[in-house]
Structures are given as structure tokens and as C-alpha cells.
Amino acid sequence: MIYPSSGLASLLNLRWLADDLLTSGQPDADELCAVAAAGCEVVINLGLPDAEYALVGEQALSESLGLVYIGIPVPWQAPTHAHLLRFIEVMRETEGRRRFVHCAANKRASVFVALYRILALGWPEPRALADLAQSWDPDECWSRFVVAELAVRHAKGDMALPRS
């Protein structure tokens, strides 16, 4: 895989996970410009738009750079199944495009990407969770969330969520 790096090195907890998938913490305006220059086409923000860390005008700046902006605000200590389902829907809708998924510190983003890979793409849990472990060791709230989402999968016997 070839990963453009110019201007991206300063992104908090930057992770190139695939040719079409980049995750990090909250970008500033210059970093968002670098994300666009790196060929990303879609910004998926899991952070809260009114949080202290948020980039004011992120959606407008993204769109001015030709990026599709999708906000899925996930409260830090209150992720829900509905948030995850919306994320999976967005990831499916944007397949084939280079996506930049971020939150405040690449913690929400890394959990949601790992669960997407397991639940929607059918990745083996150890493989997807290994990428998650490279980003952070989820705290109690996020560990419970991961376990609960995987338990739903196991209870249903699903290998992957069906496409809608």
C-alpha cells in the first residue's frame, strides 16, 4: 500500500488501515486540508460538533475542499447500537472511496472501525481487534460496548450483518 504522508504526520494517533481507510484524532484546519490532498473523499466524524476539541466549521471546510462530510456524534461514555448501525450504513454507502474516520483521539473511530470490520465485513475478531489494540486499550465503557456488540452477533449466529 502507498500512503501519502505530506502534512498528515501531525494528525493525532494517525492510522492508515487500508488504501481507502485512514483514522485519527481531531484534525485542525491545516490537517484537514492535508487529508483532502492525500486523496480522501469522505470525512466521517464520530466526535461531538460542539465539544471543546471540535474544529469549528469542520463540515463547511470539508465541503469547500470537495470532501463529503458525515457527522455521527457519539457521546464519549454513551455509544449505542444505533450509532454503530449508522456508522456501518455510512461505511457501506461510501465503499470504494477513500474515507477519513475521526473523533477526538481516534478511540471511538478505532472501536467503530474494528466492529465494522467484524460485523459488516466478516473479519475474524482477532484480526480486527489487533488493529484496535494498536490504537488504544479500550476503557471499561468501551470494552463493554465491544463485548455487547459481539455478543449480539454471537447470539444471532451471524457471521456478518446482512446488506440492506
Protein backbone atom coordinates (compact mmCIF):
# COMPACT_ATOMS: atom_id res chain seq x y z
CA MET A 1 0.00 0.00 0.00
CA ILE A 2 1.18 3.51 -0.78
CA TYR A 3 0.26 6.11 1.80
CA PRO A 4 0.72 9.80 1.11
CA SER A 5 2.25 11.38 4.17
CA SER A 6 2.78 15.05 3.37
CA GLY A 7 1.05 17.10 6.04
CA LEU A 8 -0.54 14.11 7.74
CA ALA A 9 2.20 13.27 10.24
CA SER A 10 0.85 15.76 12.78
CA LEU A 11 -2.58 14.08 12.96
CA LEU A 12 -3.21 12.74 16.46
CA ASN A 13 -2.99 8.93 16.58
CA LEU A 14 -2.90 8.63 12.79
CA ARG A 15 -3.58 5.11 11.47
CA TRP A 16 -3.64 4.07 7.81
CA LEU A 17 -5.67 0.88 7.97
CA ALA A 18 -6.10 0.28 4.23
CA ASP A 19 -5.67 2.13 0.95
CA ASP A 20 -9.17 3.51 1.39
CA LEU A 21 -9.26 4.00 5.16
CA LEU A 22 -7.46 6.49 7.39
CA THR A 23 -8.32 7.18 11.04
CA SER A 24 -7.08 9.73 13.53
CA GLY A 25 -7.99 12.12 16.29
CA GLN A 26 -9.48 15.55 15.64
CA PRO A 27 -7.78 17.35 12.76
CA ASP A 28 -7.16 21.08 12.69
CA ALA A 29 -7.86 23.08 9.52
CA ASP A 30 -4.39 22.52 8.02
CA GLU A 31 -4.57 18.79 8.73
CA LEU A 32 -8.00 18.58 7.13
CA CYS A 33 -6.54 20.23 4.02
CA ALA A 34 -3.78 17.58 4.07
CA VAL A 35 -6.41 14.84 4.35
CA ALA A 36 -8.06 16.17 1.18
CA ALA A 37 -4.68 16.47 -0.56
CA ALA A 38 -3.98 12.82 0.36
CA GLY A 39 -6.94 11.79 -1.75
CA CYS A 40 -9.54 11.25 0.92
CA GLU A 41 -13.05 11.78 -0.39
CA VAL A 42 -15.22 11.28 2.70
CA VAL A 43 -14.90 12.58 6.27
CA ILE A 44 -16.78 10.64 8.93
CA ASN A 45 -16.67 12.48 12.25
CA LEU A 46 -17.68 10.47 15.32
CA GLY A 47 -16.85 13.32 17.69
CA LEU A 48 -19.26 15.85 19.09
CA PRO A 49 -19.52 19.01 16.97
CA ASP A 50 -19.87 21.31 19.99
CA ALA A 51 -17.05 19.80 22.06
CA GLU A 52 -14.08 21.87 23.17
CA TYR A 53 -11.77 19.88 20.86
CA ALA A 54 -14.02 20.21 17.77
CA LEU A 55 -12.92 22.11 14.68
CA VAL A 56 -15.35 24.98 14.29
CA GLY A 57 -16.77 24.92 10.78
CA GLU A 58 -15.41 21.44 10.02
CA GLN A 59 -18.34 20.50 7.80
CA ALA A 60 -18.13 23.73 5.77
CA LEU A 61 -14.35 23.43 5.41
CA SER A 62 -14.64 19.77 4.40
CA GLU A 63 -17.22 20.57 1.76
CA SER A 64 -15.17 23.52 0.45
CA LEU A 65 -12.32 21.04 -0.06
CA GLY A 66 -14.58 18.75 -2.08
CA LEU A 67 -15.00 16.23 0.72
CA VAL A 68 -18.29 14.59 1.64
CA TYR A 69 -18.81 15.26 5.36
CA ILE A 70 -20.87 12.93 7.55
CA GLY A 71 -21.25 13.56 11.25
CA ILE A 72 -22.31 10.76 13.58
CA PRO A 73 -21.95 12.34 17.04
CA VAL A 74 -21.17 9.58 19.54
CA PRO A 75 -21.08 10.74 23.18
CA TRP A 76 -17.82 9.61 24.78
CA GLN A 77 -19.30 7.47 27.54
CA ALA A 78 -22.54 6.56 25.77
CA PRO A 79 -22.01 4.73 22.47
CA THR A 80 -25.13 2.91 21.29
CA HIS A 81 -26.06 0.15 18.90
CA ALA A 82 -27.89 2.78 16.81
CA HIS A 83 -24.66 4.79 16.45
CA LEU A 84 -22.86 1.67 15.27
CA LEU A 85 -25.60 0.75 12.80
CA ARG A 86 -25.49 4.26 11.32
CA PHE A 87 -21.70 4.03 11.02
CA ILE A 88 -21.95 0.67 9.25
CA GLU A 89 -24.56 2.11 6.90
CA VAL A 90 -22.30 5.07 6.06
CA MET A 91 -19.27 2.84 5.54
CA ARG A 92 -21.28 0.68 3.15
CA GLU A 93 -22.63 3.73 1.29
CA THR A 94 -19.11 5.05 0.81
CA GLU A 95 -17.36 1.81 -0.18
CA GLY A 96 -14.82 2.33 -2.93
CA ARG A 97 -13.98 5.85 -1.76
CA ARG A 98 -11.05 6.84 0.43
CA ARG A 99 -12.52 7.55 3.87
CA PHE A 100 -11.15 9.52 6.78
CA VAL A 101 -12.79 8.48 10.06
CA HIS A 102 -12.00 10.54 13.13
CA CYS A 103 -13.12 11.53 16.60
CA ALA A 104 -11.30 13.40 19.36
CA ALA A 105 -8.39 10.98 19.83
CA ASN A 106 -9.01 8.03 17.45
CA LYS A 107 -10.61 5.98 20.20
CA ARG A 108 -14.27 5.99 19.12
CA ALA A 109 -13.09 5.73 15.50
CA SER A 110 -10.87 2.71 16.14
CA VAL A 111 -13.61 0.84 18.02
CA PHE A 112 -16.22 1.56 15.35
CA VAL A 113 -13.88 0.54 12.53
CA ALA A 114 -12.99 -2.72 14.30
CA LEU A 115 -16.66 -3.55 14.85
CA TYR A 116 -17.49 -2.62 11.24
CA ARG A 117 -14.79 -4.97 10.00
CA ILE A 118 -16.11 -7.81 12.18
CA LEU A 119 -19.86 -7.28 11.84
CA ALA A 120 -20.17 -5.98 8.29
CA LEU A 121 -17.13 -7.40 6.52
CA GLY A 122 -16.89 -10.70 8.39
CA TRP A 123 -13.31 -10.24 9.53
CA PRO A 124 -12.09 -12.63 12.22
CA GLU A 125 -12.34 -10.95 15.61
CA PRO A 126 -8.63 -11.37 16.50
CA ARG A 127 -7.55 -9.66 13.28
CA ALA A 128 -9.86 -6.65 13.68
CA LEU A 129 -9.23 -6.35 17.42
CA ALA A 130 -5.45 -6.41 16.84
CA ASP A 131 -5.77 -3.20 14.82
CA LEU A 132 -7.88 -1.73 17.61
CA ALA A 133 -5.18 -2.65 20.15
CA GLN A 134 -2.64 -0.71 18.08
CA SER A 135 -4.68 2.44 18.72
CA TRP A 136 -5.66 2.03 22.37
CA ASP A 137 -6.77 -0.33 25.11
CA PRO A 138 -10.49 0.46 25.48
CA ASP A 139 -11.64 1.58 28.91
CA GLU A 140 -14.48 -0.14 30.79
CA CYS A 141 -17.29 1.66 28.93
CA TRP A 142 -15.87 0.92 25.50
CA SER A 143 -14.88 -2.64 26.40
CA ARG A 144 -18.47 -3.30 27.50
CA PHE A 145 -19.71 -1.80 24.23
CA VAL A 146 -17.44 -4.05 22.13
CA VAL A 147 -18.41 -7.14 24.15
CA ALA A 148 -22.12 -6.30 23.88
CA GLU A 149 -21.98 -5.77 20.12
CA LEU A 150 -20.07 -9.00 19.60
CA ALA A 151 -22.47 -10.85 21.93
CA VAL A 152 -25.41 -9.78 19.75
CA ARG A 153 -23.58 -11.21 16.74
CA HIS A 154 -22.82 -14.48 18.51
CA ALA A 155 -26.36 -14.81 19.87
CA LYS A 156 -27.78 -14.49 16.38
CA GLY A 157 -25.14 -16.75 14.91
CA ASP A 158 -24.39 -14.06 12.32
CA MET A 159 -21.07 -14.15 10.56
CA ALA A 160 -21.69 -10.67 9.18
CA LEU A 161 -24.59 -8.24 9.16
CA PRO A 162 -26.67 -8.64 6.04
CA ARG A 163 -26.58 -5.88 3.48
CA SER A 164 -29.74 -3.81 3.44
